[in-house]
PDB file of all heavy atoms in Angstrom:
ATOM      1  N   ALA A   1      97.377 105.197  82.894  1.00  0.00           N
ATOM      2  CA  ALA A   1      97.376 103.827  83.413  1.00  0.00           C
ATOM      3  C   ALA A   1      98.521 103.008  82.850  1.00  0.00           C
ATOM      4  O   ALA A   1      99.058 102.127  83.539  1.00  0.00           O
ATOM      5  CB  ALA A   1      96.041 103.153  83.089  1.00  0.00           C
ATOM      6  N   PHE A   2      98.909 103.274  81.608  1.00  0.00           N
ATOM      7  CA  PHE A   2      99.967 102.480  80.993  1.00  0.00           C
ATOM      8  C   PHE A   2     101.281 103.234  80.861  1.00  0.00           C
ATOM      9  O   PHE A   2     102.178 102.772  80.190  1.00  0.00           O
ATOM     10  CB  PHE A   2      99.513 101.967  79.615  1.00  0.00           C
ATOM     11  CG  PHE A   2      98.884 100.611  79.685  1.00  0.00           C
ATOM     12  CD1 PHE A   2      97.548 100.478  80.003  1.00  0.00           C
ATOM     13  CD2 PHE A   2      99.633  99.466  79.473  1.00  0.00           C
ATOM     14  CE1 PHE A   2      96.965  99.227  80.086  1.00  0.00           C
ATOM     15  CE2 PHE A   2      99.065  98.220  79.557  1.00  0.00           C
ATOM     16  CZ  PHE A   2      97.727  98.094  79.865  1.00  0.00           C
ATOM     17  N   ARG A   3     101.351 104.380  81.551  1.00  0.00           N
ATOM     18  CA  ARG A   3     102.629 105.072  81.549  1.00  0.00           C
ATOM     19  C   ARG A   3     103.622 104.255  82.378  1.00  0.00           C
ATOM     20  O   ARG A   3     103.312 103.884  83.518  1.00  0.00           O
ATOM     21  CB  ARG A   3     102.466 106.479  82.142  1.00  0.00           C
ATOM     22  CG  ARG A   3     103.565 107.446  81.735  1.00  0.00           C
ATOM     23  CD  ARG A   3     103.280 108.817  82.324  1.00  0.00           C
ATOM     24  NE  ARG A   3     101.959 109.305  81.976  1.00  0.00           N
ATOM     25  CZ  ARG A   3     101.656 109.895  80.824  1.00  0.00           C
ATOM     26  NH1 ARG A   3     102.583 110.033  79.901  1.00  0.00           N
ATOM     27  NH2 ARG A   3     100.439 110.317  80.583  1.00  0.00           N
ATOM     28  N   PRO A   4     104.779 103.918  81.795  1.00  0.00           N
ATOM     29  CA  PRO A   4     105.706 103.067  82.564  1.00  0.00           C
ATOM     30  C   PRO A   4     105.975 103.662  83.944  1.00  0.00           C
ATOM     31  O   PRO A   4     106.388 104.808  84.064  1.00  0.00           O
ATOM     32  CB  PRO A   4     106.983 103.068  81.714  1.00  0.00           C
ATOM     33  CG  PRO A   4     106.495 103.336  80.325  1.00  0.00           C
ATOM     34  CD  PRO A   4     105.307 104.259  80.477  1.00  0.00           C
ATOM     35  N   ARG A   5     105.700 102.890  84.985  1.00  0.00           N
ATOM     36  CA  ARG A   5     105.900 103.376  86.336  1.00  0.00           C
ATOM     37  C   ARG A   5     107.321 103.049  86.802  1.00  0.00           C
ATOM     38  O   ARG A   5     108.109 102.475  86.059  1.00  0.00           O
ATOM     39  CB  ARG A   5     104.875 102.744  87.277  1.00  0.00           C
ATOM     40  CG  ARG A   5     105.093 101.266  87.535  1.00  0.00           C
ATOM     41  CD  ARG A   5     103.953 100.699  88.344  1.00  0.00           C
ATOM     42  NE  ARG A   5     104.306  99.392  88.875  1.00  0.00           N
ATOM     43  CZ  ARG A   5     103.459  98.625  89.539  1.00  0.00           C
ATOM     44  NH1 ARG A   5     102.238  99.031  89.713  1.00  0.00           N
ATOM     45  NH2 ARG A   5     103.841  97.452  90.013  1.00  0.00           N
ATOM     46  N   GLU A   6     107.600 103.441  88.019  1.00  0.00           N
ATOM     47  CA  GLU A   6     108.948 103.191  88.540  1.00  0.00           C
ATOM     48  C   GLU A   6     109.243 101.703  88.528  1.00  0.00           C
ATOM     49  O   GLU A   6     108.362 100.882  88.771  1.00  0.00           O
ATOM     50  CB  GLU A   6     109.057 103.700  89.984  1.00  0.00           C
ATOM     51  CG  GLU A   6     109.092 105.190  90.101  1.00  0.00           C
ATOM     52  CD  GLU A   6     109.320 105.617  91.551  1.00  0.00           C
ATOM     53  OE1 GLU A   6     109.433 104.733  92.414  1.00  0.00           O
ATOM     54  OE2 GLU A   6     109.380 106.813  91.778  1.00  0.00           O
ATOM     55  N   ARG A   7     110.472 101.365  88.210  1.00  0.00           N
ATOM     56  CA  ARG A   7     110.852  99.960  88.202  1.00  0.00           C
ATOM     57  C   ARG A   7     110.661  99.353  89.582  1.00  0.00           C
ATOM     58  O   ARG A   7     110.938  99.971  90.608  1.00  0.00           O
ATOM     59  CB  ARG A   7     112.317  99.796  87.812  1.00  0.00           C
ATOM     60  CG  ARG A   7     112.596 100.143  86.378  1.00  0.00           C
ATOM     61  CD  ARG A   7     114.073  99.947  86.128  1.00  0.00           C
ATOM     62  NE  ARG A   7     114.440 100.366  84.797  1.00  0.00           N
ATOM     63  CZ  ARG A   7     115.684 100.528  84.406  1.00  0.00           C
ATOM     64  NH1 ARG A   7     116.660 100.298  85.248  1.00  0.00           N
ATOM     65  NH2 ARG A   7     115.957 100.900  83.175  1.00  0.00           N
ATOM     66  N   ILE A   8     110.185  98.135  89.582  1.00  0.00           N
ATOM     67  CA  ILE A   8     110.058  97.417  90.843  1.00  0.00           C
ATOM     68  C   ILE A   8     111.436  96.932  91.287  1.00  0.00           C
ATOM     69  O   ILE A   8     111.752  96.888  92.473  1.00  0.00           O
ATOM     70  CB  ILE A   8     109.076  96.247  90.687  1.00  0.00           C
ATOM     71  CG1 ILE A   8     107.704  96.798  90.295  1.00  0.00           C
ATOM     72  CG2 ILE A   8     108.969  95.425  91.951  1.00  0.00           C
ATOM     73  CD1 ILE A   8     106.676  95.744  89.989  1.00  0.00           C
ATOM     74  N   VAL A   9     112.266  96.568  90.323  1.00  0.00           N
ATOM     75  CA  VAL A   9     113.627  96.141  90.643  1.00  0.00           C
ATOM     76  C   VAL A   9     114.467  97.371  90.976  1.00  0.00           C
ATOM     77  O   VAL A   9     114.444  98.357  90.257  1.00  0.00           O
ATOM     78  CB  VAL A   9     114.256  95.389  89.456  1.00  0.00           C
ATOM     79  CG1 VAL A   9     115.665  94.922  89.801  1.00  0.00           C
ATOM     80  CG2 VAL A   9     113.382  94.210  89.075  1.00  0.00           C
ATOM     81  N   ALA A  10     115.214  97.339  92.069  1.00  0.00           N
ATOM     82  CA  ALA A  10     116.017  98.485  92.496  1.00  0.00           C
ATOM     83  C   ALA A  10     117.065  98.811  91.450  1.00  0.00           C
ATOM     84  O   ALA A  10     117.595  97.937  90.777  1.00  0.00           O
ATOM     85  CB  ALA A  10     116.686  98.176  93.841  1.00  0.00           C
ATOM     86  N   GLU A  11     117.400 100.091  91.358  1.00  0.00           N
ATOM     87  CA  GLU A  11     118.357 100.547  90.352  1.00  0.00           C
ATOM     88  C   GLU A  11     119.724  99.889  90.524  1.00  0.00           C
ATOM     89  O   GLU A  11     120.421  99.658  89.554  1.00  0.00           O
ATOM     90  CB  GLU A  11     118.497 102.070  90.444  1.00  0.00           C
ATOM     91  CG  GLU A  11     117.326 102.850  89.866  1.00  0.00           C
ATOM     92  CD  GLU A  11     117.248 102.706  88.354  1.00  0.00           C
ATOM     93  OE1 GLU A  11     118.290 102.499  87.720  1.00  0.00           O
ATOM     94  OE2 GLU A  11     116.139 102.798  87.821  1.00  0.00           O
ATOM     95  N   GLU A  12     120.078  99.581  91.762  1.00  0.00           N
ATOM     96  CA  GLU A  12     121.402  99.004  91.942  1.00  0.00           C
ATOM     97  C   GLU A  12     121.515  97.574  91.443  1.00  0.00           C
ATOM     98  O   GLU A  12     122.607  97.015  91.349  1.00  0.00           O
ATOM     99  CB  GLU A  12     121.818  99.047  93.413  1.00  0.00           C
ATOM    100  CG  GLU A  12     120.897  98.283  94.349  1.00  0.00           C
ATOM    101  CD  GLU A  12     119.831  99.182  94.956  1.00  0.00           C
ATOM    102  OE1 GLU A  12     119.523 100.222  94.319  1.00  0.00           O
ATOM    103  OE2 GLU A  12     119.332  98.860  96.052  1.00  0.00           O
ATOM    104  N   ASP A  13     120.390  96.943  91.077  1.00  0.00           N
ATOM    105  CA  ASP A  13     120.458  95.582  90.567  1.00  0.00           C
ATOM    106  C   ASP A  13     121.155  95.538  89.207  1.00  0.00           C
ATOM    107  O   ASP A  13     121.792  94.560  88.860  1.00  0.00           O
ATOM    108  CB  ASP A  13     119.074  94.969  90.452  1.00  0.00           C
ATOM    109  CG  ASP A  13     118.544  94.494  91.801  1.00  0.00           C
ATOM    110  OD1 ASP A  13     119.330  94.409  92.757  1.00  0.00           O
ATOM    111  OD2 ASP A  13     117.348  94.234  91.876  1.00  0.00           O
ATOM    112  N   TYR A  14     121.001  96.592  88.422  1.00  0.00           N
ATOM    113  CA  TYR A  14     121.708  96.665  87.152  1.00  0.00           C
ATOM    114  C   TYR A  14     121.695  98.114  86.697  1.00  0.00           C
ATOM    115  O   TYR A  14     120.762  98.867  86.962  1.00  0.00           O
ATOM    116  CB  TYR A  14     121.072  95.767  86.090  1.00  0.00           C
ATOM    117  CG  TYR A  14     119.570  95.813  86.027  1.00  0.00           C
ATOM    118  CD1 TYR A  14     118.911  96.864  85.388  1.00  0.00           C
ATOM    119  CD2 TYR A  14     118.807  94.806  86.609  1.00  0.00           C
ATOM    120  CE1 TYR A  14     117.533  96.902  85.345  1.00  0.00           C
ATOM    121  CE2 TYR A  14     117.422  94.848  86.554  1.00  0.00           C
ATOM    122  CZ  TYR A  14     116.793  95.893  85.932  1.00  0.00           C
ATOM    123  OH  TYR A  14     115.412  95.937  85.889  1.00  0.00           O
ATOM    124  N   GLU A  15     122.740  98.513  86.011  1.00  0.00           N
ATOM    125  CA  GLU A  15     122.864  99.897  85.568  1.00  0.00           C
ATOM    126  C   GLU A  15     122.099 100.140  84.281  1.00  0.00           C
ATOM    127  O   GLU A  15     121.555 101.215  84.065  1.00  0.00           O
ATOM    128  CB  GLU A  15     124.345 100.243  85.369  1.00  0.00           C
ATOM    129  CG  GLU A  15     125.165 100.192  86.662  1.00  0.00           C
ATOM    130  CD  GLU A  15     126.631 100.443  86.396  1.00  0.00           C
ATOM    131  OE1 GLU A  15     126.977 100.683  85.221  1.00  0.00           O
ATOM    132  OE2 GLU A  15     127.430 100.396  87.358  1.00  0.00           O
ATOM    133  N   ASP A  16     122.064  99.143  83.391  1.00  0.00           N
ATOM    134  CA  ASP A  16     121.440  99.311  82.093  1.00  0.00           C
ATOM    135  C   ASP A  16     120.058  98.682  82.078  1.00  0.00           C
ATOM    136  O   ASP A  16     119.801  97.687  82.737  1.00  0.00           O
ATOM    137  CB  ASP A  16     122.296  98.665  80.999  1.00  0.00           C
ATOM    138  CG  ASP A  16     123.679  99.285  80.916  1.00  0.00           C
ATOM    139  OD1 ASP A  16     123.761 100.510  81.104  1.00  0.00           O
ATOM    140  OD2 ASP A  16     124.652  98.547  80.682  1.00  0.00           O
ATOM    141  N   GLU A  17     119.180  99.296  81.305  1.00  0.00           N
ATOM    142  CA  GLU A  17     117.848  98.731  81.120  1.00  0.00           C
ATOM    143  C   GLU A  17     117.958  97.396  80.395  1.00  0.00           C
ATOM    144  O   GLU A  17     118.751  97.243  79.470  1.00  0.00           O
ATOM    145  CB  GLU A  17     117.008  99.695  80.284  1.00  0.00           C
ATOM    146  CG  GLU A  17     115.579  99.266  80.107  1.00  0.00           C
ATOM    147  CD  GLU A  17     114.795 100.305  79.315  1.00  0.00           C
ATOM    148  OE1 GLU A  17     114.287 101.251  79.919  1.00  0.00           O
ATOM    149  OE2 GLU A  17     114.739 100.170  78.080  1.00  0.00           O
ATOM    150  N   PRO A  18     117.197  96.380  80.808  1.00  0.00           N
ATOM    151  CA  PRO A  18     117.283  95.086  80.122  1.00  0.00           C
ATOM    152  C   PRO A  18     117.044  95.224  78.624  1.00  0.00           C
ATOM    153  O   PRO A  18     116.150  95.948  78.184  1.00  0.00           O
ATOM    154  CB  PRO A  18     116.160  94.273  80.782  1.00  0.00           C
ATOM    155  CG  PRO A  18     116.006  94.889  82.133  1.00  0.00           C
ATOM    156  CD  PRO A  18     116.270  96.358  81.935  1.00  0.00           C
ATOM    157  N   GLU A  19     117.859  94.548  77.849  1.00  0.00           N
ATOM    158  CA  GLU A  19     117.716  94.558  76.401  1.00  0.00           C
ATOM    159  C   GLU A  19     116.644  93.551  75.994  1.00  0.00           C
ATOM    160  O   GLU A  19     116.657  92.406  76.445  1.00  0.00           O
ATOM    161  CB  GLU A  19     119.048  94.192  75.738  1.00  0.00           C
ATOM    162  CG  GLU A  19     120.176  95.168  76.040  1.00  0.00           C
ATOM    163  CD  GLU A  19     120.061  96.458  75.248  1.00  0.00           C
ATOM    164  OE1 GLU A  19     119.117  96.569  74.447  1.00  0.00           O
ATOM    165  OE2 GLU A  19     120.902  97.347  75.427  1.00  0.00           O
ATOM    166  N   VAL A  20     115.711  93.978  75.176  1.00  0.00           N
ATOM    167  CA  VAL A  20     114.674  93.083  74.680  1.00  0.00           C
ATOM    168  C   VAL A  20     114.566  93.262  73.170  1.00  0.00           C
ATOM    169  O   VAL A  20     114.914  94.310  72.623  1.00  0.00           O
ATOM    170  CB  VAL A  20     113.303  93.365  75.339  1.00  0.00           C
ATOM    171  CG1 VAL A  20     113.380  93.158  76.840  1.00  0.00           C
ATOM    172  CG2 VAL A  20     112.807  94.765  75.015  1.00  0.00           C
ATOM    173  N   PRO A  21     114.101  92.249  72.444  1.00  0.00           N
ATOM    174  CA  PRO A  21     113.931  92.393  70.997  1.00  0.00           C
ATOM    175  C   PRO A  21     112.960  93.523  70.670  1.00  0.00           C
ATOM    176  O   PRO A  21     112.059  93.848  71.451  1.00  0.00           O
ATOM    177  CB  PRO A  21     113.350  91.027  70.576  1.00  0.00           C
ATOM    178  CG  PRO A  21     113.715  90.088  71.679  1.00  0.00           C
ATOM    179  CD  PRO A  21     113.733  90.905  72.927  1.00  0.00           C
ATOM    180  N   ASP A  22     113.130  94.121  69.505  1.00  0.00           N
ATOM    181  CA  ASP A  22     112.251  95.204  69.088  1.00  0.00           C
ATOM    182  C   ASP A  22     110.792  94.773  69.046  1.00  0.00           C
ATOM    183  O   ASP A  22     109.896  95.574  69.293  1.00  0.00           O
ATOM    184  CB  ASP A  22     112.675  95.723  67.709  1.00  0.00           C
ATOM    185  CG  ASP A  22     113.952  96.544  67.788  1.00  0.00           C
ATOM    186  OD1 ASP A  22     114.350  96.921  68.904  1.00  0.00           O
ATOM    187  OD2 ASP A  22     114.557  96.799  66.724  1.00  0.00           O
ATOM    188  N   GLU A  23     110.554  93.506  68.717  1.00  0.00           N
ATOM    189  CA  GLU A  23     109.174  93.018  68.648  1.00  0.00           C
ATOM    190  C   GLU A  23     108.487  93.055  70.009  1.00  0.00           C
ATOM    191  O   GLU A  23     107.258  93.144  70.095  1.00  0.00           O
ATOM    192  CB  GLU A  23     109.156  91.582  68.104  1.00  0.00           C
ATOM    193  CG  GLU A  23     109.496  91.458  66.639  1.00  0.00           C
ATOM    194  CD  GLU A  23     110.988  91.486  66.362  1.00  0.00           C
ATOM    195  OE1 GLU A  23     111.793  91.654  67.311  1.00  0.00           O
ATOM    196  OE2 GLU A  23     111.375  91.329  65.189  1.00  0.00           O
ATOM    197  N   VAL A  24     109.274  93.003  71.073  1.00  0.00           N
ATOM    198  CA  VAL A  24     108.730  92.994  72.428  1.00  0.00           C
ATOM    199  C   VAL A  24     108.722  94.391  73.036  1.00  0.00           C
ATOM    200  O   VAL A  24     108.013  94.660  74.002  1.00  0.00           O
ATOM    201  CB  VAL A  24     109.546  92.018  73.303  1.00  0.00           C
ATOM    202  CG1 VAL A  24     109.110  92.049  74.763  1.00  0.00           C
ATOM    203  CG2 VAL A  24     109.429  90.599  72.748  1.00  0.00           C
ATOM    204  N   ARG A  25     109.482  95.311  72.455  1.00  0.00           N
ATOM    205  CA  ARG A  25     109.628  96.650  73.013  1.00  0.00           C
ATOM    206  C   ARG A  25     108.294  97.364  73.279  1.00  0.00           C
ATOM    207  O   ARG A  25     108.147  98.034  74.311  1.00  0.00           O
ATOM    208  CB  ARG A  25     110.514  97.477  72.078  1.00  0.00           C
ATOM    209  CG  ARG A  25     110.747  98.919  72.488  1.00  0.00           C
ATOM    210  CD  ARG A  25     111.397  99.083  73.827  1.00  0.00           C
ATOM    211  NE  ARG A  25     112.634  98.320  73.990  1.00  0.00           N
ATOM    212  CZ  ARG A  25     113.358  98.353  75.083  1.00  0.00           C
ATOM    213  NH1 ARG A  25     112.986  99.094  76.101  1.00  0.00           N
ATOM    214  NH2 ARG A  25     114.463  97.632  75.178  1.00  0.00           N
ATOM    215  N   PRO A  26     107.264  97.262  72.410  1.00  0.00           N
ATOM    216  CA  PRO A  26     106.004  97.965  72.703  1.00  0.00           C
ATOM    217  C   PRO A  26     105.343  97.527  74.004  1.00  0.00           C
ATOM    218  O   PRO A  26     104.476  98.249  74.522  1.00  0.00           O
ATOM    219  CB  PRO A  26     105.119  97.613  71.497  1.00  0.00           C
ATOM    220  CG  PRO A  26     106.074  97.334  70.392  1.00  0.00           C
ATOM    221  CD  PRO A  26     107.231  96.656  71.060  1.00  0.00           C
ATOM    222  N   TYR A  27     105.732  96.374  74.547  1.00  0.00           N
ATOM    223  CA  TYR A  27     105.077  95.848  75.744  1.00  0.00           C
ATOM    224  C   TYR A  27     105.950  95.997  76.981  1.00  0.00           C
ATOM    225  O   TYR A  27     105.590  95.518  78.055  1.00  0.00           O
ATOM    226  CB  TYR A  27     104.733  94.363  75.523  1.00  0.00           C
ATOM    227  CG  TYR A  27     104.130  94.115  74.165  1.00  0.00           C
ATOM    228  CD1 TYR A  27     104.870  93.512  73.146  1.00  0.00           C
ATOM    229  CD2 TYR A  27     102.840  94.532  73.857  1.00  0.00           C
ATOM    230  CE1 TYR A  27     104.341  93.312  71.884  1.00  0.00           C
ATOM    231  CE2 TYR A  27     102.300  94.340  72.602  1.00  0.00           C
ATOM    232  CZ  TYR A  27     103.060  93.737  71.610  1.00  0.00           C
ATOM    233  OH  TYR A  27     102.531  93.550  70.361  1.00  0.00           O
TER     234      TYR A  27
END
């Protein structure tokens, strides 16, 4: 249920995964 699913945002919107602080990474 919590396995990250396919991104809703299309891949062509950005090449790199959004950078988030480490404190937010678990979510």
